[in-house]
Amino acid sequence: MDEGQQGGHGWAGTAGRTPEPDWAALADRNEQDHRRRKQRQVIGAVIGATLVIGGITATAVNLTGKGGSPTAAAATPSDSPFPTPAAPGPAASGDPDLSRGFTTTPEPSTSISATASKSPTAHSSSPTPAPRPDPLAVISTAGTDTAPLDPAALFPAQAPGIGGHTWTRVTTATTTPCWKATTGGLGNVLAPQGCQSILRATYASGTAAVTVGIAVFDHRSQADAAQAGYQGQLQGLVTPGSISFCTGPGCATTHGAIGRYAYYTVAGALKPGGATQDPTATAAAPSFATLTQDRLLARGH
């Protein structure tokens, strides 16, 4: 093939030829693309490593939290490429122990002061009970001692156990004026003090008998004066038609006073003669006096 034929199928001269590429620009662009791809790979690797480290850290913290050791978990975030938030200080946690690696919110405390603050309110709202009156003060004047005076109510039907015997009440009476229930000058002591009446009851155990008498006054001072001027004795009380006893001197007697009352006992035997002493009755008389005192004081409750 000659040169002219080759020229017809090859380049047709300078005027019709395609411009040659700028190889330097292409090389520079290729180099820039290569750098960008490398940067993206590096950034992707960094992000991947960060995610892996973050996952390891989260797993370690989770496992450490279940194991109850916050100290080991607190050291792990130092390897992370991201800054670790500063742990809250004592003011945020409310706990002066700086060795703790976590913050706990204090639970609302039920303090004693909260409970105590309710007590005065409850106490002040309830009415203060009135003080109980002194029983002795109640029975010291007729103005406050207003319960009925009935010998059947004051003296029990039986008095078991006194002196080892059972004593049965056989009769009762209320006598006015007072001197009719006395002998030996006792009436002369009671009358000037304004004695209103004498309540009597007789107890018997076999042939032994004790009569208990209560002289009633308006005020304690009158009863005390009668006690101070005591003389004579109480007359023994029997049912109508029975053998009288202790109607004169010779029987065992006791006397005392409490509140607006003076009380007496006379003890003897239910036998002919009227003034025969009986050891069983004599021994029981002080216990009957104590029983009477207690019954009178009970009126003040």
C-alpha atoms as a PDB file:
ATOM      1  CA  MET A   1       0.000   0.000   0.000  1.00  0.00           C
ATOM      2  CA  ASP A   2       1.368   3.423  -1.000  1.00  0.00           C
ATOM      3  CA  GLU A   3       1.436   6.538   1.099  1.00  0.00           C
ATOM      4  CA  GLY A   4      -1.562   8.095  -0.601  1.00  0.00           C
ATOM      5  CA  GLN A   5      -3.910   5.233   0.296  1.00  0.00           C
ATOM      6  CA  GLN A   6      -2.783   5.248   3.859  1.00  0.00           C
ATOM      7  CA  GLY A   7      -3.531   8.911   4.046  1.00  0.00           C
ATOM      8  CA  GLY A   8      -7.120   8.301   2.929  1.00  0.00           C
ATOM      9  CA  HIS A   9      -7.967   5.999   5.880  1.00  0.00           C
ATOM     10  CA  GLY A  10      -5.788   7.667   8.556  1.00  0.00           C
ATOM     11  CA  TRP A  11      -5.570  11.282   9.703  1.00  0.00           C
ATOM     12  CA  ALA A  12      -6.700  13.750   7.075  1.00  0.00           C
ATOM     13  CA  GLY A  13      -4.240  16.468   7.948  1.00  0.00           C
ATOM     14  CA  THR A  14      -4.160  19.087  10.666  1.00  0.00           C
ATOM     15  CA  ALA A  15      -7.410  20.800   9.878  1.00  0.00           C
ATOM     16  CA  GLY A  16      -9.714  17.746  10.290  1.00  0.00           C
ATOM     17  CA  ARG A  17      -7.943  15.996  13.210  1.00  0.00           C
ATOM     18  CA  THR A  18      -9.582  15.548  16.744  1.00  0.00           C
ATOM     19  CA  PRO A  19      -7.843  17.648  19.446  1.00  0.00           C
ATOM     20  CA  GLU A  20      -5.518  15.655  21.707  1.00  0.00           C
ATOM     21  CA  PRO A  21      -6.703  15.315  25.433  1.00  0.00           C
ATOM     22  CA  ASP A  22      -5.010  17.342  28.178  1.00  0.00           C
ATOM     23  CA  TRP A  23      -3.150  14.517  29.755  1.00  0.00           C
ATOM     24  CA  ALA A  24      -1.827  16.627  32.587  1.00  0.00           C
ATOM     25  CA  ALA A  25      -5.332  17.738  33.614  1.00  0.00           C
ATOM     26  CA  LEU A  26      -6.607  14.205  33.442  1.00  0.00           C
ATOM     27  CA  ALA A  27      -3.767  12.997  35.580  1.00  0.00           C
ATOM     28  CA  ASP A  28      -4.422  15.721  38.151  1.00  0.00           C
ATOM     29  CA  ARG A  29      -8.158  14.943  38.253  1.00  0.00           C
ATOM     30  CA  ASN A  30      -7.420  11.259  38.665  1.00  0.00           C
ATOM     31  CA  GLU A  31      -5.068  12.036  41.520  1.00  0.00           C
ATOM     32  CA  GLN A  32      -7.765  14.140  43.246  1.00  0.00           C
ATOM     33  CA  ASP A  33     -10.337  11.350  42.843  1.00  0.00           C
ATOM     34  CA  HIS A  34      -7.865   8.904  44.327  1.00  0.00           C
ATOM     35  CA  ARG A  35      -7.253  11.157  47.340  1.00  0.00           C
ATOM     36  CA  ARG A  36     -10.997  11.610  47.935  1.00  0.00           C
ATOM     37  CA  ARG A  37     -11.560   7.848  47.812  1.00  0.00           C
ATOM     38  CA  LYS A  38      -8.719   7.326  50.263  1.00  0.00           C
ATOM     39  CA  GLN A  39     -10.122   9.999  52.622  1.00  0.00           C
ATOM     40  CA  ARG A  40     -13.558   8.363  52.504  1.00  0.00           C
ATOM     41  CA  GLN A  41     -11.993   4.999  53.311  1.00  0.00           C
ATOM     42  CA  VAL A  42     -10.085   6.491  56.238  1.00  0.00           C
ATOM     43  CA  ILE A  43     -13.199   8.263  57.549  1.00  0.00           C
ATOM     44  CA  GLY A  44     -15.218   5.075  57.149  1.00  0.00           C
ATOM     45  CA  ALA A  45     -12.577   3.116  58.998  1.00  0.00           C
ATOM     46  CA  VAL A  46     -12.528   5.671  61.815  1.00  0.00           C
ATOM     47  CA  ILE A  47     -16.310   5.633  62.095  1.00  0.00           C
ATOM     48  CA  GLY A  48     -16.321   1.844  62.073  1.00  0.00           C
ATOM     49  CA  ALA A  49     -13.672   1.709  64.763  1.00  0.00           C
ATOM     50  CA  THR A  50     -15.594   4.255  66.811  1.00  0.00           C
ATOM     51  CA  LEU A  51     -18.783   2.230  66.590  1.00  0.00           C
ATOM     52  CA  VAL A  52     -16.939  -0.940  67.562  1.00  0.00           C
ATOM     53  CA  ILE A  53     -15.299   0.770  70.541  1.00  0.00           C
ATOM     54  CA  GLY A  54     -18.622   2.330  71.543  1.00  0.00           C
ATOM     55  CA  GLY A  55     -20.315  -1.058  71.391  1.00  0.00           C
ATOM     56  CA  ILE A  56     -17.582  -2.642  73.479  1.00  0.00           C
ATOM     57  CA  THR A  57     -17.842   0.197  75.993  1.00  0.00           C
ATOM     58  CA  ALA A  58     -21.623  -0.076  76.253  1.00  0.00           C
ATOM     59  CA  THR A  59     -21.379  -3.837  76.710  1.00  0.00           C
ATOM     60  CA  ALA A  60     -18.750  -3.434  79.398  1.00  0.00           C
ATOM     61  CA  VAL A  61     -20.835  -0.830  81.232  1.00  0.00           C
ATOM     62  CA  ASN A  62     -23.906  -3.029  81.038  1.00  0.00           C
ATOM     63  CA  LEU A  63     -22.075  -6.080  82.320  1.00  0.00           C
ATOM     64  CA  THR A  64     -20.418  -4.027  85.043  1.00  0.00           C
ATOM     65  CA  GLY A  65     -23.776  -2.577  86.159  1.00  0.00           C
ATOM     66  CA  LYS A  66     -25.209  -6.086  86.578  1.00  0.00           C
ATOM     67  CA  GLY A  67     -22.194  -7.158  88.567  1.00  0.00           C
ATOM     68  CA  GLY A  68     -22.562  -4.250  90.991  1.00  0.00           C
ATOM     69  CA  SER A  69     -19.072  -2.758  90.388  1.00  0.00           C
ATOM     70  CA  PRO A  70     -19.368   0.788  89.069  1.00  0.00           C
ATOM     71  CA  THR A  71     -15.622   1.420  89.484  1.00  0.00           C
ATOM     72  CA  ALA A  72     -14.515  -0.889  86.613  1.00  0.00           C
ATOM     73  CA  ALA A  73     -17.090   0.513  84.200  1.00  0.00           C
ATOM     74  CA  ALA A  74     -16.025   4.055  84.892  1.00  0.00           C
ATOM     75  CA  ALA A  75     -12.504   3.414  83.522  1.00  0.00           C
ATOM     76  CA  THR A  76     -13.662   2.120  80.085  1.00  0.00           C
ATOM     77  CA  PRO A  77     -14.890   5.391  78.512  1.00  0.00           C
ATOM     78  CA  SER A  78     -11.365   6.825  78.676  1.00  0.00           C
ATOM     79  CA  ASP A  79     -10.409   4.736  75.583  1.00  0.00           C
ATOM     80  CA  SER A  80     -13.221   6.229  73.475  1.00  0.00           C
ATOM     81  CA  PRO A  81     -12.338   8.845  70.847  1.00  0.00           C
ATOM     82  CA  PHE A  82     -15.231  10.992  72.075  1.00  0.00           C
ATOM     83  CA  PRO A  83     -14.951  13.160  75.210  1.00  0.00           C
ATOM     84  CA  THR A  84     -16.451  11.607  78.295  1.00  0.00           C
ATOM     85  CA  PRO A  85     -18.905  13.833  80.210  1.00  0.00           C
ATOM     86  CA  ALA A  86     -17.630  14.924  83.573  1.00  0.00           C
ATOM     87  CA  ALA A  87     -19.163  13.044  86.499  1.00  0.00           C
ATOM     88  CA  PRO A  88     -21.498  15.158  88.623  1.00  0.00           C
ATOM     89  CA  GLY A  89     -19.980  16.481  91.777  1.00  0.00           C
ATOM     90  CA  PRO A  90     -21.260  16.080  95.331  1.00  0.00           C
ATOM     91  CA  ALA A  91     -23.752  18.913  94.888  1.00  0.00           C
ATOM     92  CA  ALA A  92     -25.488  17.041  92.042  1.00  0.00           C
ATOM     93  CA  SER A  93     -25.461  13.604  93.598  1.00  0.00           C
ATOM     94  CA  GLY A  94     -26.258  14.632  97.122  1.00  0.00           C
ATOM     95  CA  ASP A  95     -23.640  12.130  98.325  1.00  0.00           C
ATOM     96  CA  PRO A  96     -20.366  13.277  99.911  1.00  0.00           C
ATOM     97  CA  ASP A  97     -18.700   9.953  99.002  1.00  0.00           C
ATOM     98  CA  LEU A  98     -16.685  10.929  95.881  1.00  0.00           C
ATOM     99  CA  SER A  99     -15.645   7.323  95.238  1.00  0.00           C
ATOM    100  CA  ARG A 100     -19.085   6.529  93.801  1.00  0.00           C
ATOM    101  CA  GLY A 101     -19.175   6.371  90.004  1.00  0.00           C
ATOM    102  CA  PHE A 102     -22.908   6.915  89.620  1.00  0.00           C
ATOM    103  CA  THR A 103     -25.558   9.338  90.761  1.00  0.00           C
ATOM    104  CA  THR A 104     -28.547   8.223  92.807  1.00  0.00           C
ATOM    105  CA  THR A 105     -31.617  10.333  93.323  1.00  0.00           C
ATOM    106  CA  PRO A 106     -32.379  10.461  97.052  1.00  0.00           C
ATOM    107  CA  GLU A 107     -35.720   8.903  97.887  1.00  0.00           C
ATOM    108  CA  PRO A 108     -38.178  11.138  99.720  1.00  0.00           C
ATOM    109  CA  SER A 109     -37.433  10.619 103.382  1.00  0.00           C
ATOM    110  CA  THR A 110     -40.216  10.080 105.904  1.00  0.00           C
ATOM    111  CA  SER A 111     -38.611  12.045 108.687  1.00  0.00           C
ATOM    112  CA  ILE A 112     -39.641  11.947 112.316  1.00  0.00           C
ATOM    113  CA  SER A 113     -40.277  15.669 112.194  1.00  0.00           C
ATOM    114  CA  ALA A 114     -43.043  15.163 109.624  1.00  0.00           C
ATOM    115  CA  THR A 115     -44.765  12.666 111.869  1.00  0.00           C
ATOM    116  CA  ALA A 116     -44.225  14.768 114.948  1.00  0.00           C
ATOM    117  CA  SER A 117     -45.742  17.797 113.264  1.00  0.00           C
ATOM    118  CA  LYS A 118     -49.045  15.970 113.013  1.00  0.00           C
ATOM    119  CA  SER A 119     -49.112  14.942 116.635  1.00  0.00           C
ATOM    120  CA  PRO A 120     -49.716  18.379 118.162  1.00  0.00           C
ATOM    121  CA  THR A 121     -52.577  18.961 115.714  1.00  0.00           C
ATOM    122  CA  ALA A 122     -54.242  15.684 116.630  1.00  0.00           C
ATOM    123  CA  HIS A 123     -53.612  16.316 120.298  1.00  0.00           C
ATOM    124  CA  SER A 124     -54.955  19.861 120.215  1.00  0.00           C
ATOM    125  CA  SER A 125     -58.088  18.820 118.340  1.00  0.00           C
ATOM    126  CA  SER A 126     -59.083  16.278 120.973  1.00  0.00           C
ATOM    127  CA  PRO A 127     -60.675  17.686 124.121  1.00  0.00           C
ATOM    128  CA  THR A 128     -58.584  17.489 127.253  1.00  0.00           C
ATOM    129  CA  PRO A 129     -60.313  15.195 129.731  1.00  0.00           C
ATOM    130  CA  ALA A 130     -61.299  16.863 132.942  1.00  0.00           C
ATOM    131  CA  PRO A 131     -59.338  15.702 135.989  1.00  0.00           C
ATOM    132  CA  ARG A 132     -61.154  13.177 138.124  1.00  0.00           C
ATOM    133  CA  PRO A 133     -62.420  14.670 141.380  1.00  0.00           C
ATOM    134  CA  ASP A 134     -60.929  13.610 144.676  1.00  0.00           C
ATOM    135  CA  PRO A 135     -63.379  11.073 146.202  1.00  0.00           C
ATOM    136  CA  LEU A 136     -62.655  12.321 149.710  1.00  0.00           C
ATOM    137  CA  ALA A 137     -63.410  15.895 148.659  1.00  0.00           C
ATOM    138  CA  VAL A 138     -66.684  14.754 147.091  1.00  0.00           C
ATOM    139  CA  ILE A 139     -67.962  13.098 150.266  1.00  0.00           C
ATOM    140  CA  SER A 140     -66.786  15.931 152.520  1.00  0.00           C
ATOM    141  CA  THR A 141     -69.866  18.087 151.972  1.00  0.00           C
ATOM    142  CA  ALA A 142     -73.537  17.439 151.297  1.00  0.00           C
ATOM    143  CA  GLY A 143     -73.364  19.809 148.318  1.00  0.00           C
ATOM    144  CA  THR A 144     -71.248  17.363 146.298  1.00  0.00           C
ATOM    145  CA  ASP A 145     -72.166  14.096 148.018  1.00  0.00           C
ATOM    146  CA  THR A 146     -75.656  13.760 146.560  1.00  0.00           C
ATOM    147  CA  ALA A 147     -76.068  10.000 146.139  1.00  0.00           C
ATOM    148  CA  PRO A 148     -79.001   8.463 148.058  1.00  0.00           C
ATOM    149  CA  LEU A 149     -78.309   7.308 151.604  1.00  0.00           C
ATOM    150  CA  ASP A 150     -79.790   3.834 151.923  1.00  0.00           C
ATOM    151  CA  PRO A 151     -78.441   1.336 154.481  1.00  0.00           C
ATOM    152  CA  ALA A 152     -79.429  -1.581 152.247  1.00  0.00           C
ATOM    153  CA  ALA A 153     -77.201  -0.109 149.498  1.00  0.00           C
ATOM    154  CA  LEU A 154     -74.328   0.963 151.737  1.00  0.00           C
ATOM    155  CA  PHE A 155     -74.046  -2.333 153.608  1.00  0.00           C
ATOM    156  CA  PRO A 156     -73.613  -5.480 151.459  1.00  0.00           C
ATOM    157  CA  ALA A 157     -75.895  -8.462 152.039  1.00  0.00           C
ATOM    158  CA  GLN A 158     -72.915 -10.643 152.938  1.00  0.00           C
ATOM    159  CA  ALA A 159     -69.369 -10.056 154.119  1.00  0.00           C
ATOM    160  CA  PRO A 160     -67.476 -13.270 153.405  1.00  0.00           C
ATOM    161  CA  GLY A 161     -63.946 -13.874 154.599  1.00  0.00           C
ATOM    162  CA  ILE A 162     -63.908 -11.511 157.570  1.00  0.00           C
ATOM    163  CA  GLY A 163     -62.078 -13.297 160.364  1.00  0.00           C
ATOM    164  CA  GLY A 164     -62.387 -16.553 158.416  1.00  0.00           C
ATOM    165  CA  HIS A 165     -66.189 -16.525 158.674  1.00  0.00           C
ATOM    166  CA  THR A 166     -69.101 -15.655 156.440  1.00  0.00           C
ATOM    167  CA  TRP A 167     -71.193 -12.859 157.854  1.00  0.00           C
ATOM    168  CA  THR A 168     -74.791 -12.321 156.803  1.00  0.00           C
ATOM    169  CA  ARG A 169     -76.656  -9.054 157.111  1.00  0.00           C
ATOM    170  CA  VAL A 170     -79.728  -9.733 159.266  1.00  0.00           C
ATOM    171  CA  THR A 171     -81.319  -6.273 159.547  1.00  0.00           C
ATOM    172  CA  THR A 172     -80.924  -2.585 158.648  1.00  0.00           C
ATOM    173  CA  ALA A 173     -82.421   0.667 159.937  1.00  0.00           C
ATOM    174  CA  THR A 174     -82.258   4.471 159.623  1.00  0.00           C
ATOM    175  CA  THR A 175     -82.766   6.225 162.971  1.00  0.00           C
ATOM    176  CA  THR A 176     -83.692   9.887 163.592  1.00  0.00           C
ATOM    177  CA  PRO A 177     -82.871  11.675 165.846  1.00  0.00           C
ATOM    178  CA  CYS A 178     -79.418  10.233 166.207  1.00  0.00           C
ATOM    179  CA  TRP A 179     -79.390   9.826 170.021  1.00  0.00           C
ATOM    180  CA  LYS A 180     -82.005   7.040 169.814  1.00  0.00           C
ATOM    181  CA  ALA A 181     -79.401   4.734 168.216  1.00  0.00           C
ATOM    182  CA  THR A 182     -76.760   5.438 170.866  1.00  0.00           C
ATOM    183  CA  THR A 183     -76.042   4.906 174.527  1.00  0.00           C
ATOM    184  CA  GLY A 184     -73.554   6.100 177.131  1.00  0.00           C
ATOM    185  CA  GLY A 185     -73.557   9.741 176.094  1.00  0.00           C
ATOM    186  CA  LEU A 186     -72.717   9.388 172.389  1.00  0.00           C
ATOM    187  CA  GLY A 187     -75.969  11.147 171.521  1.00  0.00           C
ATOM    188  CA  ASN A 188     -74.811  14.190 173.438  1.00  0.00           C
ATOM    189  CA  VAL A 189     -71.732  14.370 171.218  1.00  0.00           C
ATOM    190  CA  LEU A 190     -73.603  13.947 167.938  1.00  0.00           C
ATOM    191  CA  ALA A 191     -76.470  16.360 168.504  1.00  0.00           C
ATOM    192  CA  PRO A 192     -74.427  19.588 168.847  1.00  0.00           C
ATOM    193  CA  GLN A 193     -72.694  18.812 165.530  1.00  0.00           C
ATOM    194  CA  GLY A 194     -75.976  18.581 163.650  1.00  0.00           C
ATOM    195  CA  CYS A 195     -76.195  14.803 163.225  1.00  0.00           C
ATOM    196  CA  GLN A 196     -79.038  14.159 160.785  1.00  0.00           C
ATOM    197  CA  SER A 197     -79.513  10.400 161.112  1.00  0.00           C
ATOM    198  CA  ILE A 198     -77.758   7.135 161.908  1.00  0.00           C
ATOM    199  CA  LEU A 199     -77.794   4.274 159.388  1.00  0.00           C
ATOM    200  CA  ARG A 200     -77.239   0.827 160.945  1.00  0.00           C
ATOM    201  CA  ALA A 201     -76.836  -2.779 159.835  1.00  0.00           C
ATOM    202  CA  THR A 202     -76.211  -5.912 161.908  1.00  0.00           C
ATOM    203  CA  TYR A 203     -74.173  -8.891 160.655  1.00  0.00           C
ATOM    204  CA  ALA A 204     -74.268 -12.287 162.313  1.00  0.00           C
ATOM    205  CA  SER A 205     -72.173 -15.428 162.109  1.00  0.00           C
ATOM    206  CA  GLY A 206     -73.623 -18.006 164.456  1.00  0.00           C
ATOM    207  CA  THR A 207     -74.202 -16.240 167.779  1.00  0.00           C
ATOM    208  CA  ALA A 208     -71.532 -13.599 167.056  1.00  0.00           C
ATOM    209  CA  ALA A 209     -72.922 -10.258 165.935  1.00  0.00           C
ATOM    210  CA  VAL A 210     -71.548  -6.886 164.829  1.00  0.00           C
ATOM    211  CA  THR A 211     -73.632  -3.750 164.342  1.00  0.00           C
ATOM    212  CA  VAL A 212     -72.177  -1.052 162.076  1.00  0.00           C
ATOM    213  CA  GLY A 213     -73.513   2.511 162.294  1.00  0.00           C
ATOM    214  CA  ILE A 214     -72.963   5.648 160.176  1.00  0.00           C
ATOM    215  CA  ALA A 215     -73.751   9.113 161.580  1.00  0.00           C
ATOM    216  CA  VAL A 216     -74.559  11.620 158.787  1.00  0.00           C
ATOM    217  CA  PHE A 217     -73.524  15.311 158.934  1.00  0.00           C
ATOM    218  CA  ASP A 218     -73.536  18.187 156.448  1.00  0.00           C
ATOM    219  CA  HIS A 219     -69.816  18.924 156.547  1.00  0.00           C
ATOM    220  CA  ARG A 220     -66.566  17.147 157.261  1.00  0.00           C
ATOM    221  CA  SER A 221     -65.712  19.523 160.097  1.00  0.00           C
ATOM    222  CA  GLN A 222     -68.781  18.330 162.020  1.00  0.00           C
ATOM    223  CA  ALA A 223     -67.835  14.673 161.620  1.00  0.00           C
ATOM    224  CA  ASP A 224     -64.277  15.433 162.733  1.00  0.00           C
ATOM    225  CA  ALA A 225     -65.580  17.228 165.822  1.00  0.00           C
ATOM    226  CA  ALA A 226     -67.815  14.279 166.707  1.00  0.00           C
ATOM    227  CA  GLN A 227     -64.861  11.944 166.294  1.00  0.00           C
ATOM    228  CA  ALA A 228     -62.709  14.104 168.548  1.00  0.00           C
ATOM    229  CA  GLY A 229     -65.350  14.196 171.305  1.00  0.00           C
ATOM    230  CA  TYR A 230     -66.265  10.509 171.121  1.00  0.00           C
ATOM    231  CA  GLN A 231     -67.803   8.857 174.174  1.00  0.00           C
ATOM    232  CA  GLY A 232     -70.405   6.186 174.806  1.00  0.00           C
ATOM    233  CA  GLN A 233     -71.237   3.717 172.055  1.00  0.00           C
ATOM    234  CA  LEU A 234     -73.579   2.662 169.305  1.00  0.00           C
ATOM    235  CA  GLN A 235     -76.523   0.438 170.282  1.00  0.00           C
ATOM    236  CA  GLY A 236     -76.665  -3.036 168.777  1.00  0.00           C
ATOM    237  CA  LEU A 237     -79.507  -3.460 166.268  1.00  0.00           C
ATOM    238  CA  VAL A 238     -81.732  -6.549 166.160  1.00  0.00           C
ATOM    239  CA  THR A 239     -84.988  -7.422 164.476  1.00  0.00           C
ATOM    240  CA  PRO A 240     -88.121  -6.822 166.549  1.00  0.00           C
ATOM    241  CA  GLY A 241     -88.770  -9.657 168.984  1.00  0.00           C
ATOM    242  CA  SER A 242     -85.165 -10.896 168.965  1.00  0.00           C
ATOM    243  CA  ILE A 243     -82.768 -10.936 171.909  1.00  0.00           C
ATOM    244  CA  SER A 244     -81.222  -7.521 172.255  1.00  0.00           C
ATOM    245  CA  PHE A 245     -77.466  -7.182 172.455  1.00  0.00           C
ATOM    246  CA  CYS A 246     -74.991  -4.459 173.311  1.00  0.00           C
ATOM    247  CA  THR A 247     -77.569  -1.966 174.533  1.00  0.00           C
ATOM    248  CA  GLY A 248     -75.272  -0.868 177.350  1.00  0.00           C
ATOM    249  CA  PRO A 249     -71.593  -0.660 178.227  1.00  0.00           C
ATOM    250  CA  GLY A 250     -69.445  -3.787 178.054  1.00  0.00           C
ATOM    251  CA  CYS A 251     -69.260  -4.671 174.320  1.00  0.00           C
ATOM    252  CA  ALA A 252     -66.234  -4.086 172.091  1.00  0.00           C
ATOM    253  CA  THR A 253     -66.443  -0.896 170.054  1.00  0.00           C
ATOM    254  CA  THR A 254     -64.591   0.995 167.307  1.00  0.00           C
ATOM    255  CA  HIS A 255     -65.110   4.503 165.906  1.00  0.00           C
ATOM    256  CA  GLY A 256     -63.756   6.668 163.095  1.00  0.00           C
ATOM    257  CA  ALA A 257     -64.614   9.430 160.619  1.00  0.00           C
ATOM    258  CA  ILE A 258     -64.249  10.008 156.874  1.00  0.00           C
ATOM    259  CA  GLY A 259     -65.637  12.919 154.897  1.00  0.00           C
ATOM    260  CA  ARG A 260     -68.920  14.104 156.396  1.00  0.00           C
ATOM    261  CA  TYR A 261     -69.523  10.773 158.136  1.00  0.00           C
ATOM    262  CA  ALA A 262     -68.634   9.274 161.527  1.00  0.00           C
ATOM    263  CA  TYR A 263     -68.796   5.480 161.668  1.00  0.00           C
ATOM    264  CA  TYR A 264     -69.014   3.073 164.616  1.00  0.00           C
ATOM    265  CA  THR A 265     -69.097  -0.651 165.390  1.00  0.00           C
ATOM    266  CA  VAL A 266     -70.270  -2.574 168.417  1.00  0.00           C
ATOM    267  CA  ALA A 267     -69.574  -6.302 168.705  1.00  0.00           C
ATOM    268  CA  GLY A 268     -70.996  -8.941 171.049  1.00  0.00           C
ATOM    269  CA  ALA A 269     -72.955 -12.158 171.375  1.00  0.00           C
ATOM    270  CA  LEU A 270     -76.606 -12.765 170.560  1.00  0.00           C
ATOM    271  CA  LYS A 271     -77.253 -14.191 173.987  1.00  0.00           C
ATOM    272  CA  PRO A 272     -79.380 -13.169 176.949  1.00  0.00           C
ATOM    273  CA  GLY A 273     -77.707 -10.531 179.042  1.00  0.00           C
ATOM    274  CA  GLY A 274     -77.477  -7.765 176.480  1.00  0.00           C
ATOM    275  CA  ALA A 275     -73.758  -6.938 176.853  1.00  0.00           C
ATOM    276  CA  THR A 276     -71.878 -10.182 176.413  1.00  0.00           C
ATOM    277  CA  GLN A 277     -68.666  -9.998 174.491  1.00  0.00           C
ATOM    278  CA  ASP A 278     -67.851 -12.532 171.779  1.00  0.00           C
ATOM    279  CA  PRO A 279     -64.240 -13.169 170.641  1.00  0.00           C
ATOM    280  CA  THR A 280     -65.255 -13.829 167.030  1.00  0.00           C
ATOM    281  CA  ALA A 281     -67.286 -10.631 166.858  1.00  0.00           C
ATOM    282  CA  THR A 282     -64.604  -8.606 168.612  1.00  0.00           C
ATOM    283  CA  ALA A 283     -61.957  -9.801 166.135  1.00  0.00           C
ATOM    284  CA  ALA A 284     -64.198  -9.020 163.157  1.00  0.00           C
ATOM    285  CA  ALA A 285     -65.186  -5.489 164.241  1.00  0.00           C
ATOM    286  CA  PRO A 286     -62.067  -3.665 162.854  1.00  0.00           C
ATOM    287  CA  SER A 287     -62.572  -5.332 159.459  1.00  0.00           C
ATOM    288  CA  PHE A 288     -66.192  -4.168 159.404  1.00  0.00           C
ATOM    289  CA  ALA A 289     -64.972  -0.654 160.202  1.00  0.00           C
ATOM    290  CA  THR A 290     -62.573  -0.772 157.231  1.00  0.00           C
ATOM    291  CA  LEU A 291     -65.315  -2.145 154.974  1.00  0.00           C
ATOM    292  CA  THR A 292     -67.602   0.730 155.981  1.00  0.00           C
ATOM    293  CA  GLN A 293     -64.904   3.312 155.326  1.00  0.00           C
ATOM    294  CA  ASP A 294     -64.302   1.882 151.836  1.00  0.00           C
ATOM    295  CA  ARG A 295     -68.021   1.866 151.031  1.00  0.00           C
ATOM    296  CA  LEU A 296     -68.346   5.506 152.020  1.00  0.00           C
ATOM    297  CA  LEU A 297     -65.292   6.552 149.993  1.00  0.00           C
ATOM    298  CA  ALA A 298     -66.712   4.731 146.952  1.00  0.00           C
ATOM    299  CA  ARG A 299     -69.546   7.272 146.922  1.00  0.00           C
ATOM    300  CA  GLY A 300     -67.025   9.854 145.742  1.00  0.00           C
ATOM    301  CA  HIS A 301     -66.051   7.984 142.554  1.00  0.00           C
END
